Amino acid sequence: MPNDANQHDCSALSSPPVPADIDLRSYCWMKLDLSRLHSSDFIHLASNEEFGAAVKLWTESMRQVPAGSLPNDDKILACLAGYRGSPRRWMKVKTIALHGFSLCSDGRLYHPVLAEMVLDAWGNKTQQPTSTPSDPRAKDRERLRRWRAAQRAKQESAQSIRTEEAHSTQADETIETSQGRFTETFPETAETFHRKEGEGEKREKKR
């Protein structure tokens, strides 16, 4: 995993799984699916120390902006995980402690499960039985709705492009197959055609 996002081109990476302005620092709890955790690979791979560092990073990520993300910097990560001044100890637990996190196009680290928890918590935080047009939380809900709609549209567009490319490839293969079958069926005709084509090119050059 890269040490410094500024030294790498992140433009080709996937988009962050949460909106950039999600802030849950005033939210005092996080939902943890114990059944999902205990059936994951992480629970079997992590030592007690690695598990503790990972949980520390999960909770710290909820206090970041956007929520559910972590900075891609080893010094900051070491501090967040409780290894301030102990870079060697941090490097020993880093790989497992960051299990599931990946670098996104904004240069920050995200975990797909934490992203789900963030979106769920943000929806609960902004949801109210009654609201007025001037209610700031109503604006938050609308912004989140637009962001989700944009993500769905982006995914549908990518799927449409992949489908068109697949159809185009299939059509090209069909044309090549038809030409091959024609040549196999009428080899003399194909050979005669290519010979005449070559003679015509020679005549054009003489002219």
N, C-alpha and C. Protein backbone atom coordinates (compact mmCIF):
# COMPACT_ATOMS: atom_id res chain seq x y z
N MET A 1 0.84 -1.18 0.00
CA MET A 1 0.00 0.00 0.00
C MET A 1 0.88 1.24 0.00
N PRO A 2 0.60 2.26 -0.84
CA PRO A 2 1.45 3.44 -0.93
C PRO A 2 1.56 4.15 0.41
N ASN A 3 2.71 4.77 0.63
CA ASN A 3 2.94 5.48 1.88
C ASN A 3 2.42 6.90 1.81
N ASP A 4 2.54 7.53 0.65
CA ASP A 4 2.15 8.92 0.51
C ASP A 4 1.34 9.07 -0.75
N ALA A 5 0.07 9.44 -0.63
CA ALA A 5 -0.81 9.54 -1.79
C ALA A 5 -0.35 10.63 -2.74
N ASN A 6 0.35 11.66 -2.24
CA ASN A 6 0.78 12.75 -3.10
C ASN A 6 1.84 12.31 -4.10
N GLN A 7 2.49 11.18 -3.85
CA GLN A 7 3.53 10.70 -4.75
C GLN A 7 2.97 9.76 -5.82
N HIS A 8 1.67 9.54 -5.82
CA HIS A 8 1.08 8.61 -6.75
C HIS A 8 -0.09 9.26 -7.48
N ASP A 9 -0.30 8.83 -8.71
CA ASP A 9 -1.43 9.31 -9.49
C ASP A 9 -2.66 8.51 -9.10
N CYS A 10 -3.63 9.19 -8.48
CA CYS A 10 -4.84 8.52 -8.00
C CYS A 10 -6.01 8.68 -8.96
N SER A 11 -5.78 9.37 -10.09
CA SER A 11 -6.90 9.67 -10.99
C SER A 11 -7.52 8.41 -11.59
N ALA A 12 -6.74 7.34 -11.73
CA ALA A 12 -7.25 6.12 -12.34
C ALA A 12 -7.93 5.20 -11.33
N LEU A 13 -7.90 5.57 -10.05
CA LEU A 13 -8.49 4.73 -9.01
C LEU A 13 -10.00 4.95 -8.94
N SER A 14 -10.69 4.08 -8.21
CA SER A 14 -12.14 4.18 -8.10
C SER A 14 -12.53 5.37 -7.24
N SER A 15 -13.76 5.84 -7.43
CA SER A 15 -14.25 6.99 -6.68
C SER A 15 -14.53 6.60 -5.24
N PRO A 16 -14.46 7.56 -4.32
CA PRO A 16 -14.76 7.26 -2.91
C PRO A 16 -16.18 6.72 -2.77
N PRO A 17 -16.40 5.76 -1.87
CA PRO A 17 -17.73 5.16 -1.71
C PRO A 17 -18.70 6.00 -0.89
N VAL A 18 -18.26 7.15 -0.38
CA VAL A 18 -19.12 8.05 0.39
C VAL A 18 -18.92 9.48 -0.12
N PRO A 19 -19.92 10.36 0.03
CA PRO A 19 -19.75 11.75 -0.38
C PRO A 19 -18.63 12.43 0.42
N ALA A 20 -18.00 13.40 -0.21
CA ALA A 20 -16.82 14.03 0.39
C ALA A 20 -17.14 14.86 1.62
N ASP A 21 -18.39 15.31 1.79
CA ASP A 21 -18.72 16.22 2.89
C ASP A 21 -19.43 15.53 4.06
N ILE A 22 -19.46 14.20 4.08
CA ILE A 22 -20.13 13.52 5.20
C ILE A 22 -19.31 13.69 6.48
N ASP A 23 -19.95 14.23 7.50
CA ASP A 23 -19.29 14.51 8.78
C ASP A 23 -20.11 13.89 9.90
N LEU A 24 -19.54 12.86 10.58
CA LEU A 24 -20.24 12.18 11.68
C LEU A 24 -19.55 12.41 13.02
N ARG A 25 -18.79 13.50 13.13
CA ARG A 25 -18.07 13.74 14.37
C ARG A 25 -18.99 14.01 15.56
N SER A 26 -20.21 14.43 15.26
CA SER A 26 -21.18 14.65 16.34
C SER A 26 -22.01 13.39 16.63
N TYR A 27 -21.74 12.34 15.89
CA TYR A 27 -22.46 11.07 16.06
C TYR A 27 -21.68 10.23 17.06
N CYS A 28 -22.33 9.77 18.12
CA CYS A 28 -21.60 9.19 19.25
C CYS A 28 -21.53 7.66 19.22
N TRP A 29 -22.01 7.00 18.16
CA TRP A 29 -21.93 5.55 18.15
C TRP A 29 -21.76 5.05 16.72
N MET A 30 -21.31 3.81 16.58
CA MET A 30 -21.18 3.20 15.26
C MET A 30 -21.76 1.78 15.32
N LYS A 31 -22.42 1.39 14.26
CA LYS A 31 -23.06 0.09 14.18
C LYS A 31 -22.03 -0.96 13.75
N LEU A 32 -21.89 -2.02 14.55
CA LEU A 32 -20.92 -3.07 14.24
C LEU A 32 -21.65 -4.41 14.14
N ASP A 33 -21.60 -5.00 12.97
CA ASP A 33 -22.27 -6.28 12.71
C ASP A 33 -21.34 -7.40 13.18
N LEU A 34 -21.60 -7.93 14.37
CA LEU A 34 -20.73 -8.95 14.94
C LEU A 34 -20.76 -10.24 14.15
N SER A 35 -21.93 -10.61 13.62
CA SER A 35 -22.03 -11.83 12.83
C SER A 35 -21.16 -11.73 11.58
N ARG A 36 -21.21 -10.58 10.94
CA ARG A 36 -20.40 -10.36 9.73
C ARG A 36 -18.91 -10.34 10.07
N LEU A 37 -18.58 -9.73 11.19
CA LEU A 37 -17.18 -9.66 11.61
C LEU A 37 -16.61 -11.05 11.88
N HIS A 38 -17.35 -11.87 12.63
CA HIS A 38 -16.84 -13.18 13.02
C HIS A 38 -16.84 -14.20 11.88
N SER A 39 -17.50 -13.87 10.77
CA SER A 39 -17.47 -14.76 9.61
C SER A 39 -16.49 -14.25 8.55
N SER A 40 -15.76 -13.18 8.86
CA SER A 40 -14.82 -12.60 7.89
C SER A 40 -13.46 -13.27 7.97
N ASP A 41 -12.64 -13.06 6.93
CA ASP A 41 -11.27 -13.57 6.93
C ASP A 41 -10.42 -12.84 7.97
N PHE A 42 -10.72 -11.56 8.17
CA PHE A 42 -9.91 -10.73 9.06
C PHE A 42 -9.82 -11.32 10.46
N ILE A 43 -10.94 -11.81 10.98
CA ILE A 43 -10.97 -12.30 12.36
C ILE A 43 -10.04 -13.50 12.54
N HIS A 44 -9.79 -14.25 11.45
CA HIS A 44 -8.92 -15.42 11.53
C HIS A 44 -7.45 -15.07 11.25
N LEU A 45 -7.23 -13.94 10.58
CA LEU A 45 -5.87 -13.55 10.22
C LEU A 45 -5.19 -12.70 11.29
N ALA A 46 -5.98 -11.92 12.03
CA ALA A 46 -5.41 -10.93 12.94
C ALA A 46 -5.00 -11.52 14.28
N SER A 47 -3.84 -11.07 14.74
CA SER A 47 -3.43 -11.37 16.12
C SER A 47 -4.17 -10.40 17.04
N ASN A 48 -4.04 -10.59 18.34
CA ASN A 48 -4.71 -9.69 19.29
C ASN A 48 -4.26 -8.25 19.10
N GLU A 49 -2.96 -8.05 18.89
CA GLU A 49 -2.45 -6.69 18.70
C GLU A 49 -2.96 -6.09 17.39
N GLU A 50 -2.96 -6.87 16.31
CA GLU A 50 -3.44 -6.38 15.02
C GLU A 50 -4.94 -6.08 15.09
N PHE A 51 -5.68 -6.92 15.80
CA PHE A 51 -7.11 -6.69 15.94
C PHE A 51 -7.38 -5.38 16.69
N GLY A 52 -6.63 -5.15 17.76
CA GLY A 52 -6.80 -3.91 18.51
C GLY A 52 -6.48 -2.68 17.69
N ALA A 53 -5.41 -2.75 16.88
CA ALA A 53 -5.04 -1.62 16.03
C ALA A 53 -6.11 -1.37 14.98
N ALA A 54 -6.68 -2.44 14.42
CA ALA A 54 -7.71 -2.30 13.40
C ALA A 54 -8.97 -1.64 13.97
N VAL A 55 -9.42 -2.11 15.13
CA VAL A 55 -10.61 -1.53 15.75
C VAL A 55 -10.39 -0.05 16.06
N LYS A 56 -9.19 0.27 16.53
CA LYS A 56 -8.86 1.67 16.79
C LYS A 56 -8.98 2.50 15.52
N LEU A 57 -8.50 1.98 14.40
CA LEU A 57 -8.58 2.69 13.13
C LEU A 57 -10.02 2.81 12.65
N TRP A 58 -10.82 1.77 12.87
CA TRP A 58 -12.23 1.84 12.47
C TRP A 58 -12.93 2.99 13.17
N THR A 59 -12.74 3.07 14.50
CA THR A 59 -13.41 4.12 15.25
C THR A 59 -12.87 5.50 14.89
N GLU A 60 -11.56 5.58 14.66
CA GLU A 60 -10.97 6.86 14.27
C GLU A 60 -11.47 7.30 12.90
N SER A 61 -11.72 6.36 12.01
CA SER A 61 -12.18 6.71 10.66
C SER A 61 -13.54 7.39 10.71
N MET A 62 -14.35 7.05 11.71
CA MET A 62 -15.67 7.66 11.83
C MET A 62 -15.59 9.13 12.24
N ARG A 63 -14.44 9.54 12.74
CA ARG A 63 -14.25 10.92 13.16
C ARG A 63 -13.54 11.75 12.09
N GLN A 64 -13.24 11.11 10.97
CA GLN A 64 -12.60 11.82 9.88
C GLN A 64 -13.67 12.46 8.97
N VAL A 65 -13.22 13.33 8.09
CA VAL A 65 -14.09 13.91 7.07
C VAL A 65 -13.44 13.69 5.73
N PRO A 66 -14.06 12.92 4.81
CA PRO A 66 -15.36 12.26 5.00
C PRO A 66 -15.29 11.10 5.99
N ALA A 67 -16.40 10.85 6.65
CA ALA A 67 -16.47 9.78 7.63
C ALA A 67 -16.21 8.44 6.96
N GLY A 68 -15.55 7.54 7.70
CA GLY A 68 -15.25 6.21 7.17
C GLY A 68 -13.98 6.14 6.37
N SER A 69 -13.22 7.23 6.32
CA SER A 69 -11.97 7.26 5.55
C SER A 69 -10.78 7.43 6.48
N LEU A 70 -9.60 7.18 5.94
CA LEU A 70 -8.35 7.37 6.68
C LEU A 70 -7.34 8.05 5.76
N PRO A 71 -6.46 8.89 6.31
CA PRO A 71 -5.41 9.50 5.48
C PRO A 71 -4.39 8.44 5.07
N ASN A 72 -3.84 8.60 3.89
CA ASN A 72 -2.85 7.64 3.39
C ASN A 72 -1.44 8.10 3.77
N ASP A 73 -1.19 8.14 5.06
CA ASP A 73 0.10 8.60 5.57
C ASP A 73 0.47 7.75 6.78
N ASP A 74 1.62 7.09 6.73
CA ASP A 74 2.00 6.16 7.79
C ASP A 74 2.18 6.83 9.15
N LYS A 75 2.68 8.05 9.18
CA LYS A 75 2.88 8.72 10.46
C LYS A 75 1.54 9.00 11.14
N ILE A 76 0.58 9.49 10.35
CA ILE A 76 -0.73 9.79 10.92
C ILE A 76 -1.45 8.49 11.30
N LEU A 77 -1.36 7.48 10.43
CA LEU A 77 -2.00 6.20 10.72
C LEU A 77 -1.43 5.58 11.98
N ALA A 78 -0.12 5.67 12.16
CA ALA A 78 0.50 5.11 13.36
C ALA A 78 -0.05 5.79 14.62
N CYS A 79 -0.21 7.11 14.55
CA CYS A 79 -0.77 7.84 15.69
C CYS A 79 -2.22 7.43 15.95
N LEU A 80 -3.01 7.34 14.88
CA LEU A 80 -4.42 6.98 15.03
C LEU A 80 -4.58 5.57 15.60
N ALA A 81 -3.64 4.68 15.24
CA ALA A 81 -3.73 3.29 15.71
C ALA A 81 -3.09 3.08 17.08
N GLY A 82 -2.54 4.16 17.65
CA GLY A 82 -1.95 4.05 18.99
C GLY A 82 -0.47 3.73 18.99
N TYR A 83 0.22 4.02 17.88
CA TYR A 83 1.65 3.73 17.79
C TYR A 83 2.48 4.99 17.58
N ARG A 84 2.07 6.07 18.21
CA ARG A 84 2.85 7.31 18.12
C ARG A 84 4.27 7.07 18.65
N GLY A 85 5.26 7.41 17.85
CA GLY A 85 6.64 7.23 18.26
C GLY A 85 7.14 5.80 18.15
N SER A 86 6.32 4.90 17.59
CA SER A 86 6.74 3.49 17.43
C SER A 86 6.51 3.03 15.99
N PRO A 87 7.24 3.63 15.05
CA PRO A 87 7.02 3.30 13.64
C PRO A 87 7.27 1.84 13.30
N ARG A 88 8.26 1.23 13.98
CA ARG A 88 8.56 -0.18 13.68
C ARG A 88 7.42 -1.09 14.10
N ARG A 89 6.84 -0.83 15.28
CA ARG A 89 5.71 -1.65 15.74
C ARG A 89 4.51 -1.46 14.81
N TRP A 90 4.32 -0.21 14.34
CA TRP A 90 3.21 0.05 13.42
C TRP A 90 3.39 -0.73 12.12
N MET A 91 4.60 -0.75 11.58
CA MET A 91 4.83 -1.45 10.32
C MET A 91 4.58 -2.95 10.45
N LYS A 92 4.76 -3.50 11.69
CA LYS A 92 4.52 -4.92 11.89
C LYS A 92 3.04 -5.28 11.83
N VAL A 93 2.19 -4.35 12.25
CA VAL A 93 0.75 -4.64 12.30
C VAL A 93 -0.01 -3.99 11.16
N LYS A 94 0.65 -3.15 10.38
CA LYS A 94 -0.02 -2.32 9.38
C LYS A 94 -0.86 -3.12 8.39
N THR A 95 -0.27 -4.17 7.80
CA THR A 95 -0.96 -4.90 6.74
C THR A 95 -2.30 -5.46 7.20
N ILE A 96 -2.33 -6.12 8.35
CA ILE A 96 -3.58 -6.70 8.83
C ILE A 96 -4.50 -5.63 9.42
N ALA A 97 -3.91 -4.63 10.07
CA ALA A 97 -4.74 -3.56 10.65
C ALA A 97 -5.50 -2.80 9.57
N LEU A 98 -4.94 -2.72 8.36
CA LEU A 98 -5.60 -2.03 7.25
C LEU A 98 -6.28 -3.02 6.30
N HIS A 99 -6.53 -4.23 6.79
CA HIS A 99 -7.18 -5.25 5.96
C HIS A 99 -8.54 -4.74 5.46
N GLY A 100 -8.75 -4.80 4.15
CA GLY A 100 -10.02 -4.35 3.57
C GLY A 100 -10.01 -2.92 3.09
N PHE A 101 -9.06 -2.11 3.54
CA PHE A 101 -8.98 -0.71 3.09
C PHE A 101 -8.32 -0.65 1.71
N SER A 102 -8.76 0.29 0.90
CA SER A 102 -8.15 0.49 -0.42
C SER A 102 -8.08 1.98 -0.72
N LEU A 103 -7.12 2.34 -1.54
CA LEU A 103 -6.89 3.74 -1.90
C LEU A 103 -7.87 4.16 -2.99
N CYS A 104 -8.50 5.32 -2.83
CA CYS A 104 -9.45 5.82 -3.82
C CYS A 104 -8.91 7.09 -4.49
N SER A 105 -9.67 7.61 -5.43
CA SER A 105 -9.18 8.68 -6.29
C SER A 105 -8.94 9.99 -5.55
N ASP A 106 -9.48 10.16 -4.33
CA ASP A 106 -9.22 11.38 -3.57
C ASP A 106 -7.96 11.26 -2.72
N GLY A 107 -7.24 10.12 -2.84
CA GLY A 107 -5.99 9.95 -2.10
C GLY A 107 -6.18 9.48 -0.67
N ARG A 108 -7.39 9.04 -0.32
CA ARG A 108 -7.65 8.55 1.03
C ARG A 108 -8.02 7.07 0.99
N LEU A 109 -7.95 6.42 2.15
CA LEU A 109 -8.23 4.99 2.27
C LEU A 109 -9.67 4.78 2.73
N TYR A 110 -10.34 3.79 2.10
CA TYR A 110 -11.73 3.50 2.43
C TYR A 110 -11.92 1.99 2.60
N HIS A 111 -12.87 1.64 3.48
CA HIS A 111 -13.23 0.25 3.70
C HIS A 111 -14.70 0.09 3.29
N PRO A 112 -15.04 -0.88 2.42
CA PRO A 112 -16.42 -0.98 1.93
C PRO A 112 -17.45 -1.20 3.02
N VAL A 113 -17.10 -1.97 4.07
CA VAL A 113 -18.06 -2.21 5.15
C VAL A 113 -18.26 -0.94 5.97
N LEU A 114 -17.18 -0.22 6.25
CA LEU A 114 -17.31 1.04 6.97
C LEU A 114 -18.11 2.05 6.16
N ALA A 115 -17.95 2.01 4.84
CA ALA A 115 -18.72 2.93 3.99
C ALA A 115 -20.22 2.65 4.12
N GLU A 116 -20.59 1.38 4.17
CA GLU A 116 -22.00 1.04 4.37
C GLU A 116 -22.50 1.57 5.71
N MET A 117 -21.70 1.41 6.75
CA MET A 117 -22.08 1.89 8.08
C MET A 117 -22.23 3.41 8.09
N VAL A 118 -21.33 4.10 7.37
CA VAL A 118 -21.39 5.56 7.31
C VAL A 118 -22.67 6.03 6.64
N LEU A 119 -22.98 5.44 5.48
CA LEU A 119 -24.19 5.85 4.76
C LEU A 119 -25.45 5.55 5.57
N ASP A 120 -25.45 4.42 6.28
CA ASP A 120 -26.59 4.07 7.11
C ASP A 120 -26.73 5.06 8.27
N ALA A 121 -25.62 5.37 8.93
CA ALA A 121 -25.65 6.30 10.05
C ALA A 121 -26.03 7.70 9.60
N TRP A 122 -25.52 8.11 8.42
CA TRP A 122 -25.83 9.44 7.89
C TRP A 122 -27.31 9.54 7.54
N GLY A 123 -27.87 8.47 6.99
CA GLY A 123 -29.30 8.48 6.69
C GLY A 123 -30.14 8.59 7.95
N ASN A 124 -29.75 7.86 9.00
CA ASN A 124 -30.47 7.94 10.27
C ASN A 124 -30.31 9.30 10.92
N LYS A 125 -29.13 9.88 10.80
CA LYS A 125 -28.85 11.17 11.42
C LYS A 125 -29.68 12.28 10.79
N THR A 126 -29.84 12.21 9.48
CA THR A 126 -30.54 13.29 8.78
C THR A 126 -32.04 13.06 8.67
N GLN A 127 -32.50 11.87 9.05
CA GLN A 127 -33.92 11.54 8.90
C GLN A 127 -34.72 12.07 10.08
N GLN A 128 -35.78 12.80 9.79
CA GLN A 128 -36.68 13.31 10.81
C GLN A 128 -38.11 13.11 10.35
N PRO A 129 -39.08 12.87 11.27
CA PRO A 129 -40.47 12.68 10.87
C PRO A 129 -41.05 13.90 10.16
N THR A 130 -40.71 15.07 10.65
CA THR A 130 -41.22 16.29 10.04
C THR A 130 -40.04 17.22 9.79
N SER A 131 -40.12 17.99 8.73
CA SER A 131 -39.05 18.94 8.43
C SER A 131 -39.63 20.08 7.63
N THR A 132 -38.96 21.18 7.64
CA THR A 132 -39.37 22.35 6.88
C THR A 132 -38.35 22.60 5.79
N PRO A 133 -38.70 23.38 4.74
CA PRO A 133 -37.75 23.64 3.66
C PRO A 133 -36.45 24.26 4.14
N SER A 134 -36.51 24.98 5.29
CA SER A 134 -35.30 25.62 5.80
C SER A 134 -34.48 24.72 6.70
N ASP A 135 -34.96 23.50 6.94
CA ASP A 135 -34.27 22.55 7.80
C ASP A 135 -32.96 22.13 7.14
N PRO A 136 -31.80 22.39 7.75
CA PRO A 136 -30.52 22.02 7.13
C PRO A 136 -30.38 20.52 6.90
N ARG A 137 -31.04 19.71 7.74
CA ARG A 137 -30.95 18.27 7.56
C ARG A 137 -31.72 17.82 6.33
N ALA A 138 -32.75 18.55 5.96
CA ALA A 138 -33.47 18.24 4.72
C ALA A 138 -32.54 18.43 3.53
N LYS A 139 -31.69 19.44 3.59
CA LYS A 139 -30.72 19.67 2.52
C LYS A 139 -29.70 18.53 2.49
N ASP A 140 -29.31 18.05 3.67
CA ASP A 140 -28.36 16.93 3.73
C ASP A 140 -28.97 15.68 3.10
N ARG A 141 -30.24 15.43 3.40
CA ARG A 141 -30.90 14.25 2.82
C ARG A 141 -30.99 14.36 1.31
N GLU A 142 -31.31 15.57 0.83
CA GLU A 142 -31.42 15.76 -0.61
C GLU A 142 -30.06 15.61 -1.29
N ARG A 143 -29.00 16.12 -0.64
CA ARG A 143 -27.65 16.00 -1.19
C ARG A 143 -27.22 14.54 -1.25
N LEU A 144 -27.55 13.79 -0.19
CA LEU A 144 -27.21 12.36 -0.17
C LEU A 144 -28.00 11.60 -1.23
N ARG A 145 -29.28 11.98 -1.42
CA ARG A 145 -30.10 11.32 -2.44
C ARG A 145 -29.52 11.58 -3.83
N ARG A 146 -29.11 12.83 -4.11
CA ARG A 146 -28.54 13.16 -5.41
C ARG A 146 -27.22 12.42 -5.63
N TRP A 147 -26.41 12.31 -4.57
CA TRP A 147 -25.13 11.61 -4.70
C TRP A 147 -25.35 10.14 -5.02
N ARG A 148 -26.30 9.50 -4.34
CA ARG A 148 -26.58 8.09 -4.61
C ARG A 148 -27.11 7.90 -6.02
N ALA A 149 -27.98 8.85 -6.48
CA ALA A 149 -28.50 8.76 -7.84
C ALA A 149 -27.38 8.89 -8.85
N ALA A 150 -26.42 9.80 -8.58
CA ALA A 150 -25.28 9.97 -9.49
C ALA A 150 -24.42 8.72 -9.54
N GLN A 151 -24.22 8.07 -8.38
CA GLN A 151 -23.43 6.84 -8.36
C GLN A 151 -24.12 5.73 -9.16
N ARG A 152 -25.46 5.62 -9.01
CA ARG A 152 -26.19 4.61 -9.78
C ARG A 152 -26.10 4.89 -11.27
N ALA A 153 -26.23 6.18 -11.64
CA ALA A 153 -26.14 6.54 -13.06
C ALA A 153 -24.76 6.21 -13.62
N LYS A 154 -23.72 6.45 -12.83
CA LYS A 154 -22.35 6.15 -13.27
C LYS A 154 -22.16 4.65 -13.48
N GLN A 155 -22.71 3.85 -12.57
CA GLN A 155 -22.60 2.40 -12.70
C GLN A 155 -23.37 1.89 -13.91
N GLU A 156 -24.58 2.44 -14.14
CA GLU A 156 -25.37 2.03 -15.28
C GLU A 156 -24.70 2.42 -16.59
N SER A 157 -24.06 3.61 -16.61
CA SER A 157 -23.36 4.04 -17.82
C SER A 157 -22.19 3.12 -18.13
N ALA A 158 -21.42 2.75 -17.08
CA ALA A 158 -20.29 1.85 -17.28
C ALA A 158 -20.76 0.48 -17.77
N GLN A 159 -21.88 0.00 -17.23
CA GLN A 159 -22.43 -1.29 -17.66
C GLN A 159 -22.87 -1.23 -19.12
N SER A 160 -23.49 -0.08 -19.51
CA SER A 160 -23.94 0.08 -20.89
C SER A 160 -22.77 0.07 -21.87
N ILE A 161 -21.65 0.74 -21.48
CA ILE A 161 -20.46 0.77 -22.33
C ILE A 161 -19.89 -0.63 -22.49
N ARG A 162 -19.83 -1.39 -21.37
CA ARG A 162 -19.30 -2.76 -21.45
C ARG A 162 -20.17 -3.63 -22.35
N THR A 163 -21.50 -3.43 -22.27
CA THR A 163 -22.41 -4.22 -23.11
C THR A 163 -22.22 -3.89 -24.59
N GLU A 164 -22.07 -2.60 -24.91
CA GLU A 164 -21.86 -2.19 -26.31
C GLU A 164 -20.54 -2.76 -26.84
N GLU A 165 -19.50 -2.72 -26.01
CA GLU A 165 -18.21 -3.26 -26.44
C GLU A 165 -18.30 -4.76 -26.69
N ALA A 166 -19.05 -5.45 -25.85
CA ALA A 166 -19.22 -6.90 -26.02
C ALA A 166 -19.95 -7.20 -27.32
N HIS A 167 -21.01 -6.42 -27.62
CA HIS A 167 -21.75 -6.62 -28.86
C HIS A 167 -20.89 -6.32 -30.08
N SER A 168 -20.06 -5.25 -29.99
CA SER A 168 -19.18 -4.89 -31.09
C SER A 168 -18.17 -6.00 -31.36
N THR A 169 -17.59 -6.54 -30.29
CA THR A 169 -16.62 -7.63 -30.43
C THR A 169 -17.27 -8.85 -31.05
N GLN A 170 -18.50 -9.15 -30.62
CA GLN A 170 -19.22 -10.30 -31.16
C GLN A 170 -19.52 -10.11 -32.65
N ALA A 171 -19.87 -8.85 -33.04
CA ALA A 171 -20.15 -8.59 -34.45
C ALA A 171 -18.89 -8.76 -35.30
N ASP A 172 -17.74 -8.25 -34.80
CA ASP A 172 -16.48 -8.40 -35.52
C ASP A 172 -16.12 -9.87 -35.70
N GLU A 173 -16.30 -10.65 -34.64
CA GLU A 173 -16.00 -12.08 -34.72
C GLU A 173 -16.91 -12.77 -35.72
N THR A 174 -18.17 -12.32 -35.81
CA THR A 174 -19.12 -12.92 -36.76
C THR A 174 -18.69 -12.63 -38.20
N ILE A 175 -18.22 -11.38 -38.46
CA ILE A 175 -17.76 -11.01 -39.81
C ILE A 175 -16.54 -11.83 -40.19
N GLU A 176 -15.58 -11.94 -39.25
CA GLU A 176 -14.38 -12.72 -39.54
C GLU A 176 -14.71 -14.18 -39.78
N THR A 177 -15.65 -14.70 -39.01
CA THR A 177 -16.04 -16.11 -39.19
C THR A 177 -16.69 -16.32 -40.54
N SER A 178 -17.56 -15.37 -40.95
CA SER A 178 -18.22 -15.49 -42.25
C SER A 178 -17.21 -15.44 -43.39
N GLN A 179 -16.23 -14.53 -43.28
CA GLN A 179 -15.20 -14.44 -44.32
C GLN A 179 -14.38 -15.73 -44.39
N GLY A 180 -14.08 -16.28 -43.21
CA GLY A 180 -13.31 -17.51 -43.19
C GLY A 180 -14.08 -18.66 -43.81
N ARG A 181 -15.38 -18.76 -43.53
CA ARG A 181 -16.19 -19.82 -44.11
C ARG A 181 -16.32 -19.65 -45.63
N PHE A 182 -16.42 -18.39 -46.09
CA PHE A 182 -16.51 -18.15 -47.53
C PHE A 182 -15.23 -18.61 -48.22
N THR A 183 -14.08 -18.29 -47.61
CA THR A 183 -12.80 -18.67 -48.19
C THR A 183 -12.64 -20.19 -48.21
N GLU A 184 -13.11 -20.84 -47.14
CA GLU A 184 -13.02 -22.29 -47.10
C GLU A 184 -13.94 -22.93 -48.13
N THR A 185 -15.11 -22.34 -48.35
CA THR A 185 -16.10 -22.91 -49.28
C THR A 185 -15.71 -22.65 -50.72
N PHE A 186 -15.21 -21.42 -51.01
CA PHE A 186 -14.85 -21.05 -52.38
C PHE A 186 -13.40 -20.58 -52.42
N PRO A 187 -12.45 -21.49 -52.22
CA PRO A 187 -11.04 -21.08 -52.18
C PRO A 187 -10.55 -20.50 -53.49
N GLU A 188 -11.03 -21.07 -54.60
CA GLU A 188 -10.57 -20.58 -55.90
C GLU A 188 -11.08 -19.17 -56.15
N THR A 189 -12.32 -18.91 -55.77
CA THR A 189 -12.90 -17.58 -55.97
C THR A 189 -12.13 -16.55 -55.16
N ALA A 190 -11.84 -16.88 -53.92
CA ALA A 190 -11.11 -15.96 -53.06
C ALA A 190 -9.72 -15.71 -53.60
N GLU A 191 -9.04 -16.79 -54.07
CA GLU A 191 -7.69 -16.64 -54.61
C GLU A 191 -7.72 -15.80 -55.88
N THR A 192 -8.71 -16.04 -56.73
CA THR A 192 -8.84 -15.27 -57.97
C THR A 192 -9.07 -13.80 -57.67
N PHE A 193 -9.91 -13.53 -56.67
CA PHE A 193 -10.21 -12.14 -56.30
C PHE A 193 -8.95 -11.41 -55.85
N HIS A 194 -8.17 -12.04 -55.00
CA HIS A 194 -6.95 -11.41 -54.50
C HIS A 194 -5.94 -11.22 -55.63
N ARG A 195 -5.87 -12.20 -56.60
CA ARG A 195 -4.93 -12.06 -57.71
C ARG A 195 -5.32 -10.88 -58.58
N LYS A 196 -6.62 -10.78 -58.89
CA LYS A 196 -7.08 -9.66 -59.72
C LYS A 196 -6.88 -8.33 -59.01
N GLU A 197 -7.08 -8.33 -57.72
CA GLU A 197 -6.88 -7.11 -56.96
C GLU A 197 -5.42 -6.68 -57.05
N GLY A 198 -4.49 -7.65 -56.95
CA GLY A 198 -3.07 -7.33 -57.05
C GLY A 198 -2.70 -6.83 -58.44
N GLU A 199 -3.27 -7.43 -59.49
CA GLU A 199 -2.99 -6.99 -60.86
C GLU A 199 -3.50 -5.57 -61.07
N GLY A 200 -4.65 -5.27 -60.46
CA GLY A 200 -5.19 -3.91 -60.61
C GLY A 200 -4.28 -2.89 -59.95
N GLU A 201 -3.72 -3.22 -58.81
CA GLU A 201 -2.81 -2.29 -58.14
C GLU A 201 -1.56 -2.07 -58.97
N LYS A 202 -1.05 -3.11 -59.62
CA LYS A 202 0.13 -2.96 -60.47
C LYS A 202 -0.16 -2.04 -61.65
N ARG A 203 -1.35 -2.19 -62.25
CA ARG A 203 -1.71 -1.33 -63.39
C ARG A 203 -1.80 0.13 -62.95
N GLU A 204 -2.35 0.36 -61.75
CA GLU A 204 -2.45 1.72 -61.25
C GLU A 204 -1.06 2.34 -61.05
N LYS A 205 -0.11 1.53 -60.55
CA LYS A 205 1.24 2.05 -60.34
C LYS A 205 1.91 2.38 -61.68
N LYS A 206 1.71 1.55 -62.73
CA LYS A 206 2.30 1.83 -64.03
C LYS A 206 1.77 3.14 -64.60
N ARG A 207 0.47 3.36 -64.42
CA ARG A 207 -0.10 4.61 -64.90
C ARG A 207 0.48 5.82 -64.20
